[in-house]
Amino acid sequence: METTAVQPLKERLRAVLNAREPVRLEAEDRVPAAVLILIFERAGEPWIVFTRRTHEVKHHKGEISFPGGARDPEDADLRATALRETWEEIGLDPEAVEIVGEMDDFPTFATNYLVTPIVGVCPPPEAYMHSEFEVGEVLELPVRELAEGMRIEDWRERGRTHPMFFFESRGHTVWGVTGYILAAFLMLTAEVFGVTVNAG
């Protein structure tokens, strides 16, 4: 049997993600959606793929997000939603992605989505064919820099205080629901990536 030290990254991620049951929330009046936390390795370092949304889209204009969107009726499940949206947004063939697990559901309040993060790995992409309407640019950010560049601020909204997670990497800032999802993902997988995450 392989030791953890020499297991491929995807197998270590799969083991951690599948060691717990993701929290699933009732959709109620929310729109079911999925995003893909897409990871690849380059020169032995793990990276995550993000998109910067254009100012043409309806929600979260100009913000950094994971590829993803609302579930279509023809999608077999939310994994299919994440793969389809990734194909539509950045042109990555679903056949190139290996799904290794899922994260807890995240409700959004401004846009009323219920987001299921799907975790996938792929070979280092050679090129992207991004949707000019939805995606301004495709970003590849290293996991180590994201973890090291994390900070937490206390925000007060709707009469309550809650943490807001920010990640700085290569001149880019990841925050909002994407920041929440990224924080939860890195806190869960920090040992896999060999990083330290400030859990606040």
C-alpha atoms as a PDB file:
ATOM      1  CA  MET A   1       0.000   0.000   0.000  1.00  0.00           C
ATOM      2  CA  GLU A   2       1.214   3.513  -0.806  1.00  0.00           C
ATOM      3  CA  THR A   3       1.990   5.780   2.098  1.00  0.00           C
ATOM      4  CA  THR A   4       0.307   9.163   2.362  1.00  0.00           C
ATOM      5  CA  ALA A   5       3.599  10.830   1.503  1.00  0.00           C
ATOM      6  CA  VAL A   6       3.752   9.277  -1.958  1.00  0.00           C
ATOM      7  CA  GLN A   7       0.064   9.079  -2.804  1.00  0.00           C
ATOM      8  CA  PRO A   8      -0.974  11.295  -5.722  1.00  0.00           C
ATOM      9  CA  LEU A   9      -2.550  14.580  -4.694  1.00  0.00           C
ATOM     10  CA  LYS A  10      -5.924  13.536  -6.082  1.00  0.00           C
ATOM     11  CA  GLU A  11      -6.011  10.433  -3.887  1.00  0.00           C
ATOM     12  CA  ARG A  12      -5.092  12.395  -0.771  1.00  0.00           C
ATOM     13  CA  LEU A  13      -7.818  14.929  -1.547  1.00  0.00           C
ATOM     14  CA  ARG A  14     -10.312  12.141  -2.217  1.00  0.00           C
ATOM     15  CA  ALA A  15      -9.502  10.509   1.137  1.00  0.00           C
ATOM     16  CA  VAL A  16      -9.992  13.727   3.113  1.00  0.00           C
ATOM     17  CA  LEU A  17     -13.155  14.769   1.285  1.00  0.00           C
ATOM     18  CA  ASN A  18     -14.780  11.362   1.522  1.00  0.00           C
ATOM     19  CA  ALA A  19     -13.936  10.933   5.221  1.00  0.00           C
ATOM     20  CA  ARG A  20     -16.891  13.182   6.082  1.00  0.00           C
ATOM     21  CA  GLU A  21     -20.459  13.544   4.887  1.00  0.00           C
ATOM     22  CA  PRO A  22     -21.027  16.959   3.260  1.00  0.00           C
ATOM     23  CA  VAL A  23     -23.726  19.082   4.887  1.00  0.00           C
ATOM     24  CA  ARG A  24     -26.728  19.339   2.589  1.00  0.00           C
ATOM     25  CA  LEU A  25     -29.295  22.110   3.078  1.00  0.00           C
ATOM     26  CA  GLU A  26     -32.915  22.249   1.975  1.00  0.00           C
ATOM     27  CA  ALA A  27     -33.180  24.322  -1.181  1.00  0.00           C
ATOM     28  CA  GLU A  28     -36.628  25.693  -0.268  1.00  0.00           C
ATOM     29  CA  ASP A  29     -36.961  28.793  -2.450  1.00  0.00           C
ATOM     30  CA  ARG A  30     -33.282  28.919  -3.377  1.00  0.00           C
ATOM     31  CA  VAL A  31     -31.890  28.141  -6.816  1.00  0.00           C
ATOM     32  CA  PRO A  32     -29.656  25.022  -6.812  1.00  0.00           C
ATOM     33  CA  ALA A  33     -26.198  25.723  -8.235  1.00  0.00           C
ATOM     34  CA  ALA A  34     -22.722  24.226  -8.297  1.00  0.00           C
ATOM     35  CA  VAL A  35     -19.163  25.478  -8.628  1.00  0.00           C
ATOM     36  CA  LEU A  36     -16.013  23.560  -9.480  1.00  0.00           C
ATOM     37  CA  ILE A  37     -12.945  23.881  -7.259  1.00  0.00           C
ATOM     38  CA  LEU A  38     -10.534  22.883 -10.004  1.00  0.00           C
ATOM     39  CA  ILE A  39      -7.007  21.899  -8.979  1.00  0.00           C
ATOM     40  CA  PHE A  40      -3.944  21.017 -11.006  1.00  0.00           C
ATOM     41  CA  GLU A  41      -0.240  20.622 -10.294  1.00  0.00           C
ATOM     42  CA  ARG A  42       2.543  22.497 -12.046  1.00  0.00           C
ATOM     43  CA  ALA A  43       6.199  21.929 -11.092  1.00  0.00           C
ATOM     44  CA  GLY A  44       5.023  20.011  -8.044  1.00  0.00           C
ATOM     45  CA  GLU A  45       2.865  22.873  -6.735  1.00  0.00           C
ATOM     46  CA  PRO A  46      -0.964  22.794  -6.572  1.00  0.00           C
ATOM     47  CA  TRP A  47      -2.936  25.586  -8.222  1.00  0.00           C
ATOM     48  CA  ILE A  48      -6.633  26.486  -8.317  1.00  0.00           C
ATOM     49  CA  VAL A  49      -8.509  27.860 -11.327  1.00  0.00           C
ATOM     50  CA  PHE A  50     -10.727  30.924 -10.901  1.00  0.00           C
ATOM     51  CA  THR A  51     -12.549  33.276 -13.238  1.00  0.00           C
ATOM     52  CA  ARG A  52     -12.968  37.017 -13.093  1.00  0.00           C
ATOM     53  CA  ARG A  53     -16.540  37.788 -14.034  1.00  0.00           C
ATOM     54  CA  THR A  54     -17.264  40.450 -16.626  1.00  0.00           C
ATOM     55  CA  HIS A  55     -19.416  43.504 -15.971  1.00  0.00           C
ATOM     56  CA  GLU A  56     -21.992  42.116 -18.401  1.00  0.00           C
ATOM     57  CA  VAL A  57     -23.241  39.357 -16.092  1.00  0.00           C
ATOM     58  CA  LYS A  58     -26.234  39.904 -13.798  1.00  0.00           C
ATOM     59  CA  HIS A  59     -24.579  39.153 -10.456  1.00  0.00           C
ATOM     60  CA  HIS A  60     -21.147  39.703  -8.829  1.00  0.00           C
ATOM     61  CA  LYS A  61     -19.826  41.861 -11.647  1.00  0.00           C
ATOM     62  CA  GLY A  62     -16.023  41.943 -11.850  1.00  0.00           C
ATOM     63  CA  GLU A  63     -15.575  39.576  -8.908  1.00  0.00           C
ATOM     64  CA  ILE A  64     -13.356  36.501  -8.781  1.00  0.00           C
ATOM     65  CA  SER A  65     -15.241  33.218  -8.588  1.00  0.00           C
ATOM     66  CA  PHE A  66     -14.992  29.517  -9.226  1.00  0.00           C
ATOM     67  CA  PRO A  67     -16.390  28.293 -12.547  1.00  0.00           C
ATOM     68  CA  GLY A  68     -20.024  27.357 -12.028  1.00  0.00           C
ATOM     69  CA  GLY A  69     -23.638  28.389 -12.074  1.00  0.00           C
ATOM     70  CA  ALA A  70     -27.266  27.364 -11.715  1.00  0.00           C
ATOM     71  CA  ARG A  71     -28.400  23.815 -12.383  1.00  0.00           C
ATOM     72  CA  ASP A  72     -30.173  23.280 -15.698  1.00  0.00           C
ATOM     73  CA  PRO A  73     -33.109  20.854 -15.940  1.00  0.00           C
ATOM     74  CA  GLU A  74     -31.093  18.595 -18.254  1.00  0.00           C
ATOM     75  CA  ASP A  75     -28.184  18.261 -15.789  1.00  0.00           C
ATOM     76  CA  ALA A  76     -28.133  14.760 -14.313  1.00  0.00           C
ATOM     77  CA  ASP A  77     -26.885  16.112 -10.977  1.00  0.00           C
ATOM     78  CA  LEU A  78     -24.895  18.986  -9.520  1.00  0.00           C
ATOM     79  CA  ARG A  79     -21.605  17.396 -10.540  1.00  0.00           C
ATOM     80  CA  ALA A  80     -22.863  17.574 -14.112  1.00  0.00           C
ATOM     81  CA  THR A  81     -23.806  21.213 -13.520  1.00  0.00           C
ATOM     82  CA  ALA A  82     -20.290  22.082 -12.345  1.00  0.00           C
ATOM     83  CA  LEU A  83     -18.660  20.344 -15.307  1.00  0.00           C
ATOM     84  CA  ARG A  84     -21.054  21.853 -17.856  1.00  0.00           C
ATOM     85  CA  GLU A  85     -20.631  25.358 -16.489  1.00  0.00           C
ATOM     86  CA  THR A  86     -16.849  24.958 -16.483  1.00  0.00           C
ATOM     87  CA  TRP A  87     -16.979  23.871 -20.119  1.00  0.00           C
ATOM     88  CA  GLU A  88     -19.197  26.836 -21.036  1.00  0.00           C
ATOM     89  CA  GLU A  89     -17.162  29.393 -19.086  1.00  0.00           C
ATOM     90  CA  ILE A  90     -13.546  28.403 -19.706  1.00  0.00           C
ATOM     91  CA  GLY A  91     -13.710  25.711 -22.394  1.00  0.00           C
ATOM     92  CA  LEU A  92     -12.276  22.880 -20.290  1.00  0.00           C
ATOM     93  CA  ASP A  93     -13.407  19.468 -21.524  1.00  0.00           C
ATOM     94  CA  PRO A  94     -15.362  17.644 -18.766  1.00  0.00           C
ATOM     95  CA  GLU A  95     -13.483  14.472 -19.745  1.00  0.00           C
ATOM     96  CA  ALA A  96     -10.266  16.113 -18.512  1.00  0.00           C
ATOM     97  CA  VAL A  97     -11.647  16.569 -14.984  1.00  0.00           C
ATOM     98  CA  GLU A  98     -11.685  13.867 -12.313  1.00  0.00           C
ATOM     99  CA  ILE A  99     -14.136  14.573  -9.501  1.00  0.00           C
ATOM    100  CA  VAL A 100     -12.663  13.683  -6.103  1.00  0.00           C
ATOM    101  CA  GLY A 101     -15.356  14.917  -3.714  1.00  0.00           C
ATOM    102  CA  GLU A 102     -17.815  17.568  -2.610  1.00  0.00           C
ATOM    103  CA  MET A 103     -18.014  20.283   0.042  1.00  0.00           C
ATOM    104  CA  ASP A 104     -20.853  21.524   2.257  1.00  0.00           C
ATOM    105  CA  ASP A 105     -23.653  23.523   0.665  1.00  0.00           C
ATOM    106  CA  PHE A 106     -23.331  27.313   0.852  1.00  0.00           C
ATOM    107  CA  PRO A 107     -26.405  29.569   0.652  1.00  0.00           C
ATOM    108  CA  THR A 108     -25.973  32.980  -0.940  1.00  0.00           C
ATOM    109  CA  PHE A 109     -28.108  35.811   0.369  1.00  0.00           C
ATOM    110  CA  ALA A 110     -27.836  38.540  -2.238  1.00  0.00           C
ATOM    111  CA  THR A 111     -28.525  36.169  -5.150  1.00  0.00           C
ATOM    112  CA  ASN A 112     -30.564  33.428  -3.405  1.00  0.00           C
ATOM    113  CA  TYR A 113     -28.563  30.445  -4.658  1.00  0.00           C
ATOM    114  CA  LEU A 114     -27.777  27.237  -2.817  1.00  0.00           C
ATOM    115  CA  VAL A 115     -24.258  26.405  -3.999  1.00  0.00           C
ATOM    116  CA  THR A 116     -22.714  22.937  -3.870  1.00  0.00           C
ATOM    117  CA  PRO A 117     -18.913  23.076  -4.354  1.00  0.00           C
ATOM    118  CA  ILE A 118     -17.549  20.141  -6.358  1.00  0.00           C
ATOM    119  CA  VAL A 119     -13.822  19.371  -6.155  1.00  0.00           C
ATOM    120  CA  GLY A 120     -12.014  18.163  -9.253  1.00  0.00           C
ATOM    121  CA  VAL A 121      -8.469  17.673 -10.483  1.00  0.00           C
ATOM    122  CA  CYS A 122      -7.091  17.898 -14.004  1.00  0.00           C
ATOM    123  CA  PRO A 123      -3.783  17.993 -15.862  1.00  0.00           C
ATOM    124  CA  PRO A 124      -2.241  21.471 -16.207  1.00  0.00           C
ATOM    125  CA  PRO A 125      -4.456  23.226 -18.778  1.00  0.00           C
ATOM    126  CA  GLU A 126      -2.628  24.323 -21.893  1.00  0.00           C
ATOM    127  CA  ALA A 127      -5.171  26.953 -22.906  1.00  0.00           C
ATOM    128  CA  TYR A 128      -8.637  28.241 -22.081  1.00  0.00           C
ATOM    129  CA  MET A 129     -11.463  29.215 -24.428  1.00  0.00           C
ATOM    130  CA  HIS A 130     -13.429  31.452 -22.098  1.00  0.00           C
ATOM    131  CA  SER A 131     -16.884  32.882 -22.609  1.00  0.00           C
ATOM    132  CA  GLU A 132     -16.418  36.535 -23.495  1.00  0.00           C
ATOM    133  CA  PHE A 133     -19.813  37.437 -22.045  1.00  0.00           C
ATOM    134  CA  GLU A 134     -19.342  35.750 -18.656  1.00  0.00           C
ATOM    135  CA  VAL A 135     -15.576  35.627 -18.093  1.00  0.00           C
ATOM    136  CA  GLY A 136     -13.207  38.563 -18.301  1.00  0.00           C
ATOM    137  CA  GLU A 137     -10.156  36.425 -17.610  1.00  0.00           C
ATOM    138  CA  VAL A 138      -9.163  33.009 -16.281  1.00  0.00           C
ATOM    139  CA  LEU A 139      -6.879  33.066 -13.251  1.00  0.00           C
ATOM    140  CA  GLU A 140      -4.555  30.359 -11.963  1.00  0.00           C
ATOM    141  CA  LEU A 141      -3.536  31.008  -8.356  1.00  0.00           C
ATOM    142  CA  PRO A 142      -1.175  28.848  -6.258  1.00  0.00           C
ATOM    143  CA  VAL A 143      -2.659  27.214  -3.167  1.00  0.00           C
ATOM    144  CA  ARG A 144       0.300  28.167  -0.984  1.00  0.00           C
ATOM    145  CA  GLU A 145       0.009  31.873  -1.831  1.00  0.00           C
ATOM    146  CA  LEU A 146      -3.738  31.820  -1.229  1.00  0.00           C
ATOM    147  CA  ALA A 147      -3.280  30.246   2.197  1.00  0.00           C
ATOM    148  CA  GLU A 148      -0.492  32.653   3.145  1.00  0.00           C
ATOM    149  CA  GLY A 149      -2.477  35.641   1.888  1.00  0.00           C
ATOM    150  CA  MET A 150      -5.646  34.893   3.851  1.00  0.00           C
ATOM    151  CA  ARG A 151      -7.120  37.410   6.270  1.00  0.00           C
ATOM    152  CA  ILE A 152     -10.412  37.598   8.160  1.00  0.00           C
ATOM    153  CA  GLU A 153     -12.472  40.720   8.815  1.00  0.00           C
ATOM    154  CA  ASP A 154     -15.588  41.093  10.960  1.00  0.00           C
ATOM    155  CA  TRP A 155     -18.472  42.369   8.847  1.00  0.00           C
ATOM    156  CA  ARG A 156     -21.859  43.487  10.103  1.00  0.00           C
ATOM    157  CA  GLU A 157     -24.830  42.889   7.846  1.00  0.00           C
ATOM    158  CA  ARG A 158     -28.538  42.490   8.516  1.00  0.00           C
ATOM    159  CA  GLY A 159     -28.028  43.128  12.190  1.00  0.00           C
ATOM    160  CA  ARG A 160     -25.426  40.433  12.772  1.00  0.00           C
ATOM    161  CA  THR A 161     -21.654  40.198  12.702  1.00  0.00           C
ATOM    162  CA  HIS A 162     -19.958  37.511  10.654  1.00  0.00           C
ATOM    163  CA  PRO A 163     -16.425  36.799   9.418  1.00  0.00           C
ATOM    164  CA  MET A 164     -15.512  37.710   5.839  1.00  0.00           C
ATOM    165  CA  PHE A 165     -12.598  35.854   4.304  1.00  0.00           C
ATOM    166  CA  PHE A 166     -10.151  37.540   1.942  1.00  0.00           C
ATOM    167  CA  PHE A 167      -7.345  35.885  -0.008  1.00  0.00           C
ATOM    168  CA  GLU A 168      -4.605  37.913  -1.685  1.00  0.00           C
ATOM    169  CA  SER A 169      -2.508  36.381  -4.450  1.00  0.00           C
ATOM    170  CA  ARG A 170      -0.616  37.948  -7.351  1.00  0.00           C
ATOM    171  CA  GLY A 171      -2.516  41.205  -7.154  1.00  0.00           C
ATOM    172  CA  HIS A 172      -5.922  39.531  -6.996  1.00  0.00           C
ATOM    173  CA  THR A 173      -8.404  39.440  -4.108  1.00  0.00           C
ATOM    174  CA  VAL A 174     -10.786  36.515  -3.599  1.00  0.00           C
ATOM    175  CA  TRP A 175     -13.687  37.193  -1.224  1.00  0.00           C
ATOM    176  CA  GLY A 176     -17.483  36.935  -0.883  1.00  0.00           C
ATOM    177  CA  VAL A 177     -19.097  33.512  -1.148  1.00  0.00           C
ATOM    178  CA  THR A 178     -16.040  32.343  -3.100  1.00  0.00           C
ATOM    179  CA  GLY A 179     -13.904  33.366  -0.126  1.00  0.00           C
ATOM    180  CA  TYR A 180     -16.155  31.423   2.246  1.00  0.00           C
ATOM    181  CA  ILE A 181     -15.963  28.306   0.098  1.00  0.00           C
ATOM    182  CA  LEU A 182     -12.194  28.635  -0.378  1.00  0.00           C
ATOM    183  CA  ALA A 183     -11.658  29.103   3.375  1.00  0.00           C
ATOM    184  CA  ALA A 184     -13.686  25.988   4.196  1.00  0.00           C
ATOM    185  CA  PHE A 185     -11.857  24.001   1.526  1.00  0.00           C
ATOM    186  CA  LEU A 186      -8.377  25.046   2.667  1.00  0.00           C
ATOM    187  CA  MET A 187      -9.190  24.487   6.336  1.00  0.00           C
ATOM    188  CA  LEU A 188     -10.277  20.954   5.494  1.00  0.00           C
ATOM    189  CA  THR A 189      -7.369  20.153   3.170  1.00  0.00           C
ATOM    190  CA  ALA A 190      -4.504  22.150   4.729  1.00  0.00           C
ATOM    191  CA  GLU A 191      -2.597  19.003   5.682  1.00  0.00           C
ATOM    192  CA  VAL A 192      -2.956  17.597   2.176  1.00  0.00           C
ATOM    193  CA  PHE A 193      -1.430  20.749   0.701  1.00  0.00           C
ATOM    194  CA  GLY A 194       1.097  21.234   3.488  1.00  0.00           C
ATOM    195  CA  VAL A 195      -0.141  24.740   4.292  1.00  0.00           C
ATOM    196  CA  THR A 196      -1.223  26.552   7.436  1.00  0.00           C
ATOM    197  CA  VAL A 197      -4.603  28.282   7.418  1.00  0.00           C
ATOM    198  CA  ASN A 198      -5.662  30.843   9.999  1.00  0.00           C
ATOM    199  CA  ALA A 199      -9.079  29.593  11.146  1.00  0.00           C
ATOM    200  CA  GLY A 200      -9.733  32.775  13.111  1.00  0.00           C
END
